[in-house]
Amino acid sequence: MVRRYGTVAKLENFLKAEYAFMRHEVEVRSLPYLFRVDPTNTCTLACPYCWRTISKRPEPATLSLETFIQGFSPFEGSCLLVSFQMFGEPTLNEALPEMIRHAHTRGAATYVSTNLQSVDEGSMFRLLTSGLDLLTIAVDAATPETYRIMKPGGDYARLMDNLDLLFRLKRSIPRAPSVGFQVLVTRHNEGELPEIRDLARMAGADYLDFKPVVFLPDSSWSPTSPTFHMSRYLRRRANCSLPWTNITLLANGRFFPCCAFPGEFDLGPIGDAVLEEIWNGQSMRAIRKAFRSGNLHPLCRCCPLAYMPRF
C-alpha cells in the first residue's frame, strides 16, 4: 500500500499523524490517512455478533456517489487507504464500484468486505474492474447448517455459487484485486476451520484470516480455543489511534471519528463546517484529550475496540 500509493506528501502526513498519536496531541497538524466509508447501513443478514444487530439500528441510509466525492475530497491528499465497510453490506450500494474507482484515481488504496450474498455477475465484474486493491469475503462456515446459525438470512448455496463465479472472473481480469476469506471464529464454526482452510486453498484465495469476535451473543458462542478469545488480546489501558489517523463518512452523509457504533454522536454533516472545524473541532479535541488524561470520552468508555492492539 505505502509503496504503491505513498507519495512524499502522504508519507510526511503519515509520520506527523503517528507522532501526534504517540504524544496524544489534542490539536493536530496532520490529516487522517485512513478514510472509512459506510456505503449503506442496511444489510440482508442479521449476524448475531454484528454491532448492527445488537444495537439500536440507525435510520436506513445509502450514500450517494456525489456525497462520497464531496466528503472524501478534503482528505484525498493525505489518504493512503479507503475502507468501504462498516455496518451495512457495501455491495447493496450500486454506486460502490464508482466510489472505489474515484478513490483509486485519487491515489488511495481501496478495501471492501462483503458477505457476497447481494451480487450478480454484472455487479461482481464492475467491482473487480473498479481499481479495488483488496476484497475480503466473510465466509464463517463450511456447512449450510452452521452458515444459518452464523449468518441468519443468508444462503450457503448462493455463497458457494458466487465464490465460484468470483474466482472465475478474477482469473480473467488483469490486475484484479487480491481476494481472501475472513472467518469470525465462534464455538459454532470452530470445528469447521480445517474445511474452510481447504475451501480457501481450492478456490484460490490470496489469504485466509481467522479472527476472534468482539461481540458474542452469550457464553455458548465462546470458542473452546483461547486463541480466539478477544479478551486475550485486549490491553489494560485504552490506546486507540483512530482519533489521530482515521475519519469515517457514514451512510447518512455525516462524519464520525472511528468504526464504533455511532448512536447519537457525529461530527456533523458534509458542508456544515470547514475541514478544520471537523478534524480539529471541539468534539475531536475532547476525544483526544480524554485519551491523554485517561478519563475516556463517553463514546469510547464502553468500546472494547479502544483496548485492542493495532493490527
C-alpha atoms as a PDB file:
ATOM      1  CA  MET A   1       0.000   0.000   0.000  1.00  0.00           C
ATOM      2  CA  VAL A   2       2.668   2.512   1.027  1.00  0.00           C
ATOM      3  CA  ARG A   3       4.948   1.562  -1.868  1.00  0.00           C
ATOM      4  CA  ARG A   4       2.179   1.961  -4.462  1.00  0.00           C
ATOM      5  CA  TYR A   5       0.251   4.923  -3.064  1.00  0.00           C
ATOM      6  CA  GLY A   6       2.668   6.634  -0.708  1.00  0.00           C
ATOM      7  CA  THR A   7       3.633   9.985  -2.213  1.00  0.00           C
ATOM      8  CA  VAL A   8       6.108  12.190  -0.376  1.00  0.00           C
ATOM      9  CA  ALA A   9       3.290  14.402   0.899  1.00  0.00           C
ATOM     10  CA  LYS A  10       1.265  11.420   2.116  1.00  0.00           C
ATOM     11  CA  LEU A  11       4.253   9.862   3.867  1.00  0.00           C
ATOM     12  CA  GLU A  12       5.052  13.147   5.589  1.00  0.00           C
ATOM     13  CA  ASN A  13       1.437  13.357   6.751  1.00  0.00           C
ATOM     14  CA  PHE A  14       1.559   9.713   7.915  1.00  0.00           C
ATOM     15  CA  LEU A  15       4.615  10.415  10.090  1.00  0.00           C
ATOM     16  CA  LYS A  16       3.035  13.554  11.536  1.00  0.00           C
ATOM     17  CA  ALA A  17      -0.167  11.638  12.361  1.00  0.00           C
ATOM     18  CA  GLU A  18       1.744   8.820  14.059  1.00  0.00           C
ATOM     19  CA  TYR A  19       3.816  11.328  16.033  1.00  0.00           C
ATOM     20  CA  ALA A  20       0.650  13.149  17.112  1.00  0.00           C
ATOM     21  CA  PHE A  21      -0.849   9.840  18.240  1.00  0.00           C
ATOM     22  CA  MET A  22       2.238   8.853  20.235  1.00  0.00           C
ATOM     23  CA  ARG A  23       2.157  12.225  22.005  1.00  0.00           C
ATOM     24  CA  HIS A  24      -1.649  12.208  22.276  1.00  0.00           C
ATOM     25  CA  GLU A  25      -1.776  15.718  20.894  1.00  0.00           C
ATOM     26  CA  VAL A  26      -5.170  17.339  21.292  1.00  0.00           C
ATOM     27  CA  GLU A  27      -4.941  19.612  18.256  1.00  0.00           C
ATOM     28  CA  VAL A  28      -3.076  18.015  15.362  1.00  0.00           C
ATOM     29  CA  ARG A  29      -1.300  19.437  12.324  1.00  0.00           C
ATOM     30  CA  SER A  30      -1.820  16.302  10.227  1.00  0.00           C
ATOM     31  CA  LEU A  31      -4.862  14.878   8.453  1.00  0.00           C
ATOM     32  CA  PRO A  32      -6.220  11.314   8.709  1.00  0.00           C
ATOM     33  CA  TYR A  33      -4.529   8.828   6.403  1.00  0.00           C
ATOM     34  CA  LEU A  34      -7.343   6.277   6.818  1.00  0.00           C
ATOM     35  CA  PHE A  35     -10.775   7.074   5.384  1.00  0.00           C
ATOM     36  CA  ARG A  36     -13.619   4.716   6.286  1.00  0.00           C
ATOM     37  CA  VAL A  37     -16.890   4.730   4.353  1.00  0.00           C
ATOM     38  CA  ASP A  38     -20.215   3.108   5.164  1.00  0.00           C
ATOM     39  CA  PRO A  39     -21.784   2.843   1.666  1.00  0.00           C
ATOM     40  CA  THR A  40     -25.071   1.757   3.249  1.00  0.00           C
ATOM     41  CA  ASN A  41     -26.153   0.887   6.773  1.00  0.00           C
ATOM     42  CA  THR A  42     -28.608  -1.744   5.529  1.00  0.00           C
ATOM     43  CA  CYS A  43     -27.979  -5.480   5.276  1.00  0.00           C
ATOM     44  CA  THR A  44     -29.961  -8.564   4.267  1.00  0.00           C
ATOM     45  CA  LEU A  45     -28.431 -10.632   7.081  1.00  0.00           C
ATOM     46  CA  ALA A  46     -28.782 -10.494  10.867  1.00  0.00           C
ATOM     47  CA  CYS A  47     -25.497 -11.900  12.169  1.00  0.00           C
ATOM     48  CA  PRO A  48     -25.873 -12.278  15.972  1.00  0.00           C
ATOM     49  CA  TYR A  49     -22.369 -10.906  16.640  1.00  0.00           C
ATOM     50  CA  CYS A  50     -22.756  -7.792  14.480  1.00  0.00           C
ATOM     51  CA  TRP A  51     -22.924  -4.402  16.157  1.00  0.00           C
ATOM     52  CA  ARG A  52     -25.767  -3.519  13.822  1.00  0.00           C
ATOM     53  CA  THR A  53     -27.814  -6.469  15.147  1.00  0.00           C
ATOM     54  CA  ILE A  54     -27.198  -5.956  18.848  1.00  0.00           C
ATOM     55  CA  SER A  55     -27.547  -2.147  18.902  1.00  0.00           C
ATOM     56  CA  LYS A  56     -30.345   0.225  18.072  1.00  0.00           C
ATOM     57  CA  ARG A  57     -30.337   0.392  14.293  1.00  0.00           C
ATOM     58  CA  PRO A  58     -29.943   3.787  12.662  1.00  0.00           C
ATOM     59  CA  GLU A  59     -32.422   5.104  10.133  1.00  0.00           C
ATOM     60  CA  PRO A  60     -31.761   3.293   6.819  1.00  0.00           C
ATOM     61  CA  ALA A  61     -29.428   5.304   4.620  1.00  0.00           C
ATOM     62  CA  THR A  62     -27.440   4.803   1.423  1.00  0.00           C
ATOM     63  CA  LEU A  63     -24.553   7.063   0.488  1.00  0.00           C
ATOM     64  CA  SER A  64     -24.685   8.695  -2.932  1.00  0.00           C
ATOM     65  CA  LEU A  65     -21.656   8.915  -5.202  1.00  0.00           C
ATOM     66  CA  GLU A  66     -21.848  12.704  -5.123  1.00  0.00           C
ATOM     67  CA  THR A  67     -21.865  12.788  -1.316  1.00  0.00           C
ATOM     68  CA  PHE A  68     -18.923  10.398  -1.160  1.00  0.00           C
ATOM     69  CA  ILE A  69     -16.887  12.542  -3.568  1.00  0.00           C
ATOM     70  CA  GLN A  70     -17.736  15.682  -1.618  1.00  0.00           C
ATOM     71  CA  GLY A  71     -16.847  14.065   1.716  1.00  0.00           C
ATOM     72  CA  PHE A  72     -13.636  12.457   0.507  1.00  0.00           C
ATOM     73  CA  SER A  73     -12.316  15.498  -1.342  1.00  0.00           C
ATOM     74  CA  PRO A  74     -10.778  17.340   1.666  1.00  0.00           C
ATOM     75  CA  PHE A  75      -8.870  14.212   2.698  1.00  0.00           C
ATOM     76  CA  GLU A  76      -7.742  12.739  -0.612  1.00  0.00           C
ATOM     77  CA  GLY A  77      -4.337  14.448  -0.475  1.00  0.00           C
ATOM     78  CA  SER A  78      -3.480  12.669   2.796  1.00  0.00           C
ATOM     79  CA  CYS A  79      -5.354   9.386   2.420  1.00  0.00           C
ATOM     80  CA  LEU A  80      -3.471   6.107   1.995  1.00  0.00           C
ATOM     81  CA  LEU A  81      -6.416   3.712   2.379  1.00  0.00           C
ATOM     82  CA  VAL A  82     -10.183   3.952   1.839  1.00  0.00           C
ATOM     83  CA  SER A  83     -12.105   1.151   3.534  1.00  0.00           C
ATOM     84  CA  PHE A  84     -15.643   0.613   2.228  1.00  0.00           C
ATOM     85  CA  GLN A  85     -17.085  -1.344   5.123  1.00  0.00           C
ATOM     86  CA  MET A  86     -18.757  -0.569   8.413  1.00  0.00           C
ATOM     87  CA  PHE A  87     -22.318  -1.523   9.450  1.00  0.00           C
ATOM     88  CA  GLY A  88     -24.094  -2.474   6.228  1.00  0.00           C
ATOM     89  CA  GLU A  89     -23.414  -4.719   3.264  1.00  0.00           C
ATOM     90  CA  PRO A  90     -21.472  -2.434   0.893  1.00  0.00           C
ATOM     91  CA  THR A  91     -22.460  -4.227  -2.326  1.00  0.00           C
ATOM     92  CA  LEU A  92     -26.091  -3.183  -1.756  1.00  0.00           C
ATOM     93  CA  ASN A  93     -24.988   0.277  -2.901  1.00  0.00           C
ATOM     94  CA  GLU A  94     -24.953   0.241  -6.709  1.00  0.00           C
ATOM     95  CA  ALA A  95     -22.553   3.208  -6.748  1.00  0.00           C
ATOM     96  CA  LEU A  96     -19.859   1.251  -4.841  1.00  0.00           C
ATOM     97  CA  PRO A  97     -17.664   0.473  -7.906  1.00  0.00           C
ATOM     98  CA  GLU A  98     -17.685   4.150  -8.922  1.00  0.00           C
ATOM     99  CA  MET A  99     -16.742   5.207  -5.392  1.00  0.00           C
ATOM    100  CA  ILE A 100     -13.833   2.782  -5.473  1.00  0.00           C
ATOM    101  CA  ARG A 101     -12.774   3.998  -8.916  1.00  0.00           C
ATOM    102  CA  HIS A 102     -12.828   7.603  -7.717  1.00  0.00           C
ATOM    103  CA  ALA A 103     -10.682   6.828  -4.661  1.00  0.00           C
ATOM    104  CA  HIS A 104      -8.310   4.755  -6.797  1.00  0.00           C
ATOM    105  CA  THR A 105      -7.806   7.527  -9.358  1.00  0.00           C
ATOM    106  CA  ARG A 106      -7.078   9.918  -6.474  1.00  0.00           C
ATOM    107  CA  GLY A 107      -4.201   7.706  -5.380  1.00  0.00           C
ATOM    108  CA  ALA A 108      -5.622   5.742  -2.446  1.00  0.00           C
ATOM    109  CA  ALA A 109      -5.641   2.017  -1.805  1.00  0.00           C
ATOM    110  CA  THR A 110      -9.147   0.560  -1.503  1.00  0.00           C
ATOM    111  CA  TYR A 111     -10.665  -2.262   0.542  1.00  0.00           C
ATOM    112  CA  VAL A 112     -14.112  -3.914   0.626  1.00  0.00           C
ATOM    113  CA  SER A 113     -15.513  -6.614   2.893  1.00  0.00           C
ATOM    114  CA  THR A 114     -18.662  -8.402   1.742  1.00  0.00           C
ATOM    115  CA  ASN A 115     -20.852 -11.391   2.582  1.00  0.00           C
ATOM    116  CA  LEU A 116     -21.206 -11.983  -1.194  1.00  0.00           C
ATOM    117  CA  GLN A 117     -24.955 -12.527  -0.891  1.00  0.00           C
ATOM    118  CA  SER A 118     -26.195  -9.499  -2.843  1.00  0.00           C
ATOM    119  CA  VAL A 119     -24.173  -9.637  -6.064  1.00  0.00           C
ATOM    120  CA  ASP A 120     -24.669 -10.945  -9.576  1.00  0.00           C
ATOM    121  CA  GLU A 121     -22.204 -11.420 -12.410  1.00  0.00           C
ATOM    122  CA  GLY A 122     -22.525  -7.837 -13.612  1.00  0.00           C
ATOM    123  CA  SER A 123     -22.016  -6.191 -10.233  1.00  0.00           C
ATOM    124  CA  MET A 124     -19.176  -8.589  -9.455  1.00  0.00           C
ATOM    125  CA  PHE A 125     -17.405  -7.714 -12.703  1.00  0.00           C
ATOM    126  CA  ARG A 126     -17.779  -3.981 -12.018  1.00  0.00           C
ATOM    127  CA  LEU A 127     -16.348  -4.477  -8.544  1.00  0.00           C
ATOM    128  CA  LEU A 128     -13.346  -6.466  -9.774  1.00  0.00           C
ATOM    129  CA  THR A 129     -12.547  -3.920 -12.513  1.00  0.00           C
ATOM    130  CA  SER A 130     -13.011  -0.779 -10.378  1.00  0.00           C
ATOM    131  CA  GLY A 131      -9.386  -0.495  -9.272  1.00  0.00           C
ATOM    132  CA  LEU A 132     -10.105  -2.246  -5.983  1.00  0.00           C
ATOM    133  CA  ASP A 133      -6.985  -3.489  -4.200  1.00  0.00           C
ATOM    134  CA  LEU A 134      -8.330  -5.865  -1.569  1.00  0.00           C
ATOM    135  CA  LEU A 135     -11.593  -7.819  -1.349  1.00  0.00           C
ATOM    136  CA  THR A 136     -12.451  -9.847   1.757  1.00  0.00           C
ATOM    137  CA  ILE A 137     -15.247 -12.428   1.742  1.00  0.00           C
ATOM    138  CA  ALA A 138     -16.945 -13.181   5.061  1.00  0.00           C
ATOM    139  CA  VAL A 139     -17.281 -16.965   4.870  1.00  0.00           C
ATOM    140  CA  ASP A 140     -17.768 -18.034   8.521  1.00  0.00           C
ATOM    141  CA  ALA A 141     -18.933 -21.617   7.822  1.00  0.00           C
ATOM    142  CA  ALA A 142     -18.242 -24.782   5.859  1.00  0.00           C
ATOM    143  CA  THR A 143     -21.758 -26.240   6.017  1.00  0.00           C
ATOM    144  CA  PRO A 144     -25.271 -24.871   5.357  1.00  0.00           C
ATOM    145  CA  GLU A 145     -26.314 -25.680   8.922  1.00  0.00           C
ATOM    146  CA  THR A 146     -23.534 -23.626  10.513  1.00  0.00           C
ATOM    147  CA  TYR A 147     -23.992 -20.825   7.986  1.00  0.00           C
ATOM    148  CA  ARG A 148     -27.638 -20.445   9.053  1.00  0.00           C
ATOM    149  CA  ILE A 149     -26.508 -20.037  12.660  1.00  0.00           C
ATOM    150  CA  MET A 150     -23.688 -17.626  11.877  1.00  0.00           C
ATOM    151  CA  LYS A 151     -25.494 -15.625   9.196  1.00  0.00           C
ATOM    152  CA  PRO A 152     -29.295 -15.731   9.598  1.00  0.00           C
ATOM    153  CA  GLY A 153     -30.925 -14.704   6.362  1.00  0.00           C
ATOM    154  CA  GLY A 154     -28.005 -15.918   4.273  1.00  0.00           C
ATOM    155  CA  ASP A 155     -27.925 -18.725   1.718  1.00  0.00           C
ATOM    156  CA  TYR A 156     -24.883 -21.012   1.821  1.00  0.00           C
ATOM    157  CA  ALA A 157     -25.542 -22.354  -1.690  1.00  0.00           C
ATOM    158  CA  ARG A 158     -25.572 -18.772  -3.009  1.00  0.00           C
ATOM    159  CA  LEU A 159     -22.264 -18.117  -1.266  1.00  0.00           C
ATOM    160  CA  MET A 160     -20.674 -21.166  -2.898  1.00  0.00           C
ATOM    161  CA  ASP A 161     -22.041 -20.267  -6.332  1.00  0.00           C
ATOM    162  CA  ASN A 162     -20.849 -16.674  -6.026  1.00  0.00           C
ATOM    163  CA  LEU A 163     -17.408 -17.746  -4.813  1.00  0.00           C
ATOM    164  CA  ASP A 164     -17.054 -19.949  -7.891  1.00  0.00           C
ATOM    165  CA  LEU A 165     -18.158 -17.086 -10.144  1.00  0.00           C
ATOM    166  CA  LEU A 166     -15.919 -14.586  -8.353  1.00  0.00           C
ATOM    167  CA  PHE A 167     -12.728 -16.581  -8.775  1.00  0.00           C
ATOM    168  CA  ARG A 168     -13.530 -17.468 -12.403  1.00  0.00           C
ATOM    169  CA  LEU A 169     -13.955 -13.769 -13.160  1.00  0.00           C
ATOM    170  CA  LYS A 170     -10.837 -12.882 -11.188  1.00  0.00           C
ATOM    171  CA  ARG A 171      -8.695 -15.218 -13.282  1.00  0.00           C
ATOM    172  CA  SER A 172      -9.892 -13.486 -16.471  1.00  0.00           C
ATOM    173  CA  ILE A 173      -9.284  -9.895 -15.326  1.00  0.00           C
ATOM    174  CA  PRO A 174      -5.851  -8.265 -15.495  1.00  0.00           C
ATOM    175  CA  ARG A 175      -4.853  -6.530 -12.251  1.00  0.00           C
ATOM    176  CA  ALA A 176      -7.813  -7.947 -10.340  1.00  0.00           C
ATOM    177  CA  PRO A 177      -7.794  -7.309  -6.585  1.00  0.00           C
ATOM    178  CA  SER A 178      -6.399  -9.708  -4.036  1.00  0.00           C
ATOM    179  CA  VAL A 179      -9.292 -11.787  -2.706  1.00  0.00           C
ATOM    180  CA  GLY A 180      -9.309 -13.537   0.637  1.00  0.00           C
ATOM    181  CA  PHE A 181     -11.522 -15.231   3.198  1.00  0.00           C
ATOM    182  CA  GLN A 182     -12.326 -13.948   6.670  1.00  0.00           C
ATOM    183  CA  VAL A 183     -13.783 -16.138   9.409  1.00  0.00           C
ATOM    184  CA  LEU A 184     -15.062 -14.796  12.710  1.00  0.00           C
ATOM    185  CA  VAL A 185     -14.487 -17.770  14.978  1.00  0.00           C
ATOM    186  CA  THR A 186     -17.127 -18.931  17.460  1.00  0.00           C
ATOM    187  CA  ARG A 187     -17.879 -22.266  19.060  1.00  0.00           C
ATOM    188  CA  HIS A 188     -20.378 -22.946  16.272  1.00  0.00           C
ATOM    189  CA  ASN A 189     -17.837 -22.837  13.434  1.00  0.00           C
ATOM    190  CA  GLU A 190     -14.621 -23.630  15.301  1.00  0.00           C
ATOM    191  CA  GLY A 191     -14.710 -27.264  14.272  1.00  0.00           C
ATOM    192  CA  GLU A 192     -15.043 -26.339  10.590  1.00  0.00           C
ATOM    193  CA  LEU A 193     -11.857 -24.273  10.319  1.00  0.00           C
ATOM    194  CA  PRO A 194      -9.886 -27.057   8.554  1.00  0.00           C
ATOM    195  CA  GLU A 195     -12.648 -27.383   5.949  1.00  0.00           C
ATOM    196  CA  ILE A 196     -12.738 -23.604   5.446  1.00  0.00           C
ATOM    197  CA  ARG A 197      -8.951 -23.633   5.011  1.00  0.00           C
ATOM    198  CA  ASP A 198      -9.311 -26.336   2.340  1.00  0.00           C
ATOM    199  CA  LEU A 199     -12.071 -24.318   0.640  1.00  0.00           C
ATOM    200  CA  ALA A 200      -9.868 -21.225   0.529  1.00  0.00           C
ATOM    201  CA  ARG A 201      -6.993 -23.236  -0.948  1.00  0.00           C
ATOM    202  CA  MET A 202      -9.154 -24.868  -3.612  1.00  0.00           C
ATOM    203  CA  ALA A 203     -10.836 -21.596  -4.550  1.00  0.00           C
ATOM    204  CA  GLY A 204      -7.512 -19.826  -4.969  1.00  0.00           C
ATOM    205  CA  ALA A 205      -7.869 -17.285  -2.160  1.00  0.00           C
ATOM    206  CA  ASP A 206      -4.890 -14.986  -1.681  1.00  0.00           C
ATOM    207  CA  TYR A 207      -5.203 -15.028   2.106  1.00  0.00           C
ATOM    208  CA  LEU A 208      -7.231 -16.525   4.953  1.00  0.00           C
ATOM    209  CA  ASP A 209      -7.894 -14.693   8.195  1.00  0.00           C
ATOM    210  CA  PHE A 210      -9.301 -16.363  11.332  1.00  0.00           C
ATOM    211  CA  LYS A 211     -10.374 -13.656  13.780  1.00  0.00           C
ATOM    212  CA  PRO A 212     -11.874 -13.545  17.284  1.00  0.00           C
ATOM    213  CA  VAL A 213     -15.301 -11.969  17.659  1.00  0.00           C
ATOM    214  CA  VAL A 214     -15.667  -8.680  19.529  1.00  0.00           C
ATOM    215  CA  PHE A 215     -19.336  -9.131  20.500  1.00  0.00           C
ATOM    216  CA  LEU A 216     -20.623 -12.618  21.328  1.00  0.00           C
ATOM    217  CA  PRO A 217     -24.364 -13.103  21.932  1.00  0.00           C
ATOM    218  CA  ASP A 218     -23.665 -15.174  25.059  1.00  0.00           C
ATOM    219  CA  SER A 219     -21.086 -17.548  26.564  1.00  0.00           C
ATOM    220  CA  SER A 220     -22.349 -20.505  24.498  1.00  0.00           C
ATOM    221  CA  TRP A 221     -20.754 -18.844  21.466  1.00  0.00           C
ATOM    222  CA  SER A 222     -17.318 -18.603  23.066  1.00  0.00           C
ATOM    223  CA  PRO A 223     -14.699 -20.731  21.224  1.00  0.00           C
ATOM    224  CA  THR A 224     -13.011 -23.531  23.137  1.00  0.00           C
ATOM    225  CA  SER A 225      -9.577 -22.424  21.948  1.00  0.00           C
ATOM    226  CA  PRO A 226      -8.199 -19.416  23.859  1.00  0.00           C
ATOM    227  CA  THR A 227      -6.530 -18.313  20.626  1.00  0.00           C
ATOM    228  CA  PHE A 228      -9.898 -16.955  19.509  1.00  0.00           C
ATOM    229  CA  HIS A 229     -10.896 -15.245  22.769  1.00  0.00           C
ATOM    230  CA  MET A 230     -10.943 -11.480  22.281  1.00  0.00           C
ATOM    231  CA  SER A 231     -10.031 -10.947  25.946  1.00  0.00           C
ATOM    232  CA  ARG A 232      -6.629 -12.476  25.231  1.00  0.00           C
ATOM    233  CA  TYR A 233      -5.706  -9.515  23.038  1.00  0.00           C
ATOM    234  CA  LEU A 234      -7.188  -6.594  24.952  1.00  0.00           C
ATOM    235  CA  ARG A 235      -4.839  -4.159  26.649  1.00  0.00           C
ATOM    236  CA  ARG A 236      -5.314  -2.899  30.170  1.00  0.00           C
ATOM    237  CA  ARG A 237      -5.188   0.727  29.080  1.00  0.00           C
ATOM    238  CA  ALA A 238      -7.140   2.205  26.192  1.00  0.00           C
ATOM    239  CA  ASN A 239      -4.823   3.438  23.482  1.00  0.00           C
ATOM    240  CA  CYS A 240      -6.874   3.800  20.301  1.00  0.00           C
ATOM    241  CA  SER A 241      -5.095   5.513  17.403  1.00  0.00           C
ATOM    242  CA  LEU A 242      -8.198   6.272  15.327  1.00  0.00           C
ATOM    243  CA  PRO A 243      -8.853   9.820  16.625  1.00  0.00           C
ATOM    244  CA  TRP A 244      -5.467  10.729  15.115  1.00  0.00           C
ATOM    245  CA  THR A 245      -5.406   8.558  11.996  1.00  0.00           C
ATOM    246  CA  ASN A 246      -8.997   7.927  10.818  1.00  0.00           C
ATOM    247  CA  ILE A 247     -12.125   9.747   9.715  1.00  0.00           C
ATOM    248  CA  THR A 248     -15.384   7.973   8.832  1.00  0.00           C
ATOM    249  CA  LEU A 249     -18.127   9.007   6.433  1.00  0.00           C
ATOM    250  CA  LEU A 250     -21.410   7.433   7.495  1.00  0.00           C
ATOM    251  CA  ALA A 251     -24.130   6.333   5.101  1.00  0.00           C
ATOM    252  CA  ASN A 252     -26.240   9.349   6.111  1.00  0.00           C
ATOM    253  CA  GLY A 253     -23.527  11.749   4.914  1.00  0.00           C
ATOM    254  CA  ARG A 254     -22.267  12.727   8.363  1.00  0.00           C
ATOM    255  CA  PHE A 255     -18.737  12.406   9.688  1.00  0.00           C
ATOM    256  CA  PHE A 256     -17.739  10.158  12.586  1.00  0.00           C
ATOM    257  CA  PRO A 257     -14.346   9.575  14.259  1.00  0.00           C
ATOM    258  CA  CYS A 258     -13.949   5.811  14.103  1.00  0.00           C
ATOM    259  CA  CYS A 259     -15.554   2.401  13.467  1.00  0.00           C
ATOM    260  CA  ALA A 260     -17.606   2.188  16.672  1.00  0.00           C
ATOM    261  CA  PHE A 261     -21.399   2.277  16.679  1.00  0.00           C
ATOM    262  CA  PRO A 262     -22.295   5.980  16.319  1.00  0.00           C
ATOM    263  CA  GLY A 263     -25.541   6.150  18.251  1.00  0.00           C
ATOM    264  CA  GLU A 264     -26.406   9.852  18.540  1.00  0.00           C
ATOM    265  CA  PHE A 265     -22.792  11.028  18.179  1.00  0.00           C
ATOM    266  CA  ASP A 266     -21.403  12.523  14.986  1.00  0.00           C
ATOM    267  CA  LEU A 267     -19.043  15.266  13.863  1.00  0.00           C
ATOM    268  CA  GLY A 268     -21.539  16.993  11.584  1.00  0.00           C
ATOM    269  CA  PRO A 269     -22.735  16.732   8.004  1.00  0.00           C
ATOM    270  CA  ILE A 270     -20.809  17.392   4.821  1.00  0.00           C
ATOM    271  CA  GLY A 271     -20.860  21.088   4.008  1.00  0.00           C
ATOM    272  CA  ASP A 272     -21.818  22.067   7.563  1.00  0.00           C
ATOM    273  CA  ALA A 273     -18.296  23.082   8.597  1.00  0.00           C
ATOM    274  CA  VAL A 274     -14.883  23.615   7.105  1.00  0.00           C
ATOM    275  CA  LEU A 275     -12.355  20.796   7.368  1.00  0.00           C
ATOM    276  CA  GLU A 276     -10.517  22.284  10.348  1.00  0.00           C
ATOM    277  CA  GLU A 277     -13.755  22.533  12.342  1.00  0.00           C
ATOM    278  CA  ILE A 278     -14.401  18.819  11.793  1.00  0.00           C
ATOM    279  CA  TRP A 279     -10.938  17.347  12.261  1.00  0.00           C
ATOM    280  CA  ASN A 280      -9.777  19.740  14.995  1.00  0.00           C
ATOM    281  CA  GLY A 281     -13.185  20.798  16.208  1.00  0.00           C
ATOM    282  CA  GLN A 282     -14.445  20.652  19.764  1.00  0.00           C
ATOM    283  CA  SER A 283     -15.679  17.046  19.539  1.00  0.00           C
ATOM    284  CA  MET A 284     -12.417  15.605  18.176  1.00  0.00           C
ATOM    285  CA  ARG A 285     -10.327  17.602  20.640  1.00  0.00           C
ATOM    286  CA  ALA A 286     -12.452  16.299  23.511  1.00  0.00           C
ATOM    287  CA  ILE A 287     -11.939  12.679  22.418  1.00  0.00           C
ATOM    288  CA  ARG A 288      -8.165  13.120  22.091  1.00  0.00           C
ATOM    289  CA  LYS A 289      -7.891  14.986  25.375  1.00  0.00           C
ATOM    290  CA  ALA A 290      -9.773  12.193  27.145  1.00  0.00           C
ATOM    291  CA  PHE A 291      -7.243   9.609  25.941  1.00  0.00           C
ATOM    292  CA  ARG A 292      -4.468  11.852  27.155  1.00  0.00           C
ATOM    293  CA  SER A 293      -5.974  12.139  30.647  1.00  0.00           C
ATOM    294  CA  GLY A 294      -7.135   8.523  30.870  1.00  0.00           C
ATOM    295  CA  ASN A 295     -10.715   9.627  31.587  1.00  0.00           C
ATOM    296  CA  LEU A 296     -12.284   8.365  28.374  1.00  0.00           C
ATOM    297  CA  HIS A 297     -14.889  10.234  26.379  1.00  0.00           C
ATOM    298  CA  PRO A 298     -18.396   8.654  26.699  1.00  0.00           C
ATOM    299  CA  LEU A 299     -18.142   7.485  23.067  1.00  0.00           C
ATOM    300  CA  CYS A 300     -15.035   5.433  23.907  1.00  0.00           C
ATOM    301  CA  ARG A 301     -15.740   4.425  27.501  1.00  0.00           C
ATOM    302  CA  CYS A 302     -17.621   1.190  26.753  1.00  0.00           C
ATOM    303  CA  CYS A 303     -15.936   0.418  23.432  1.00  0.00           C
ATOM    304  CA  PRO A 304     -13.734  -2.710  23.557  1.00  0.00           C
ATOM    305  CA  LEU A 305     -12.090  -1.648  20.308  1.00  0.00           C
ATOM    306  CA  ALA A 306     -10.320   1.107  22.254  1.00  0.00           C
ATOM    307  CA  TYR A 307      -8.415  -1.595  24.139  1.00  0.00           C
ATOM    308  CA  MET A 308      -7.399  -3.648  21.122  1.00  0.00           C
ATOM    309  CA  PRO A 309      -3.820  -3.698  19.820  1.00  0.00           C
ATOM    310  CA  ARG A 310      -3.136  -2.136  16.469  1.00  0.00           C
ATOM    311  CA  PHE A 311      -3.098  -4.542  13.523  1.00  0.00           C
END
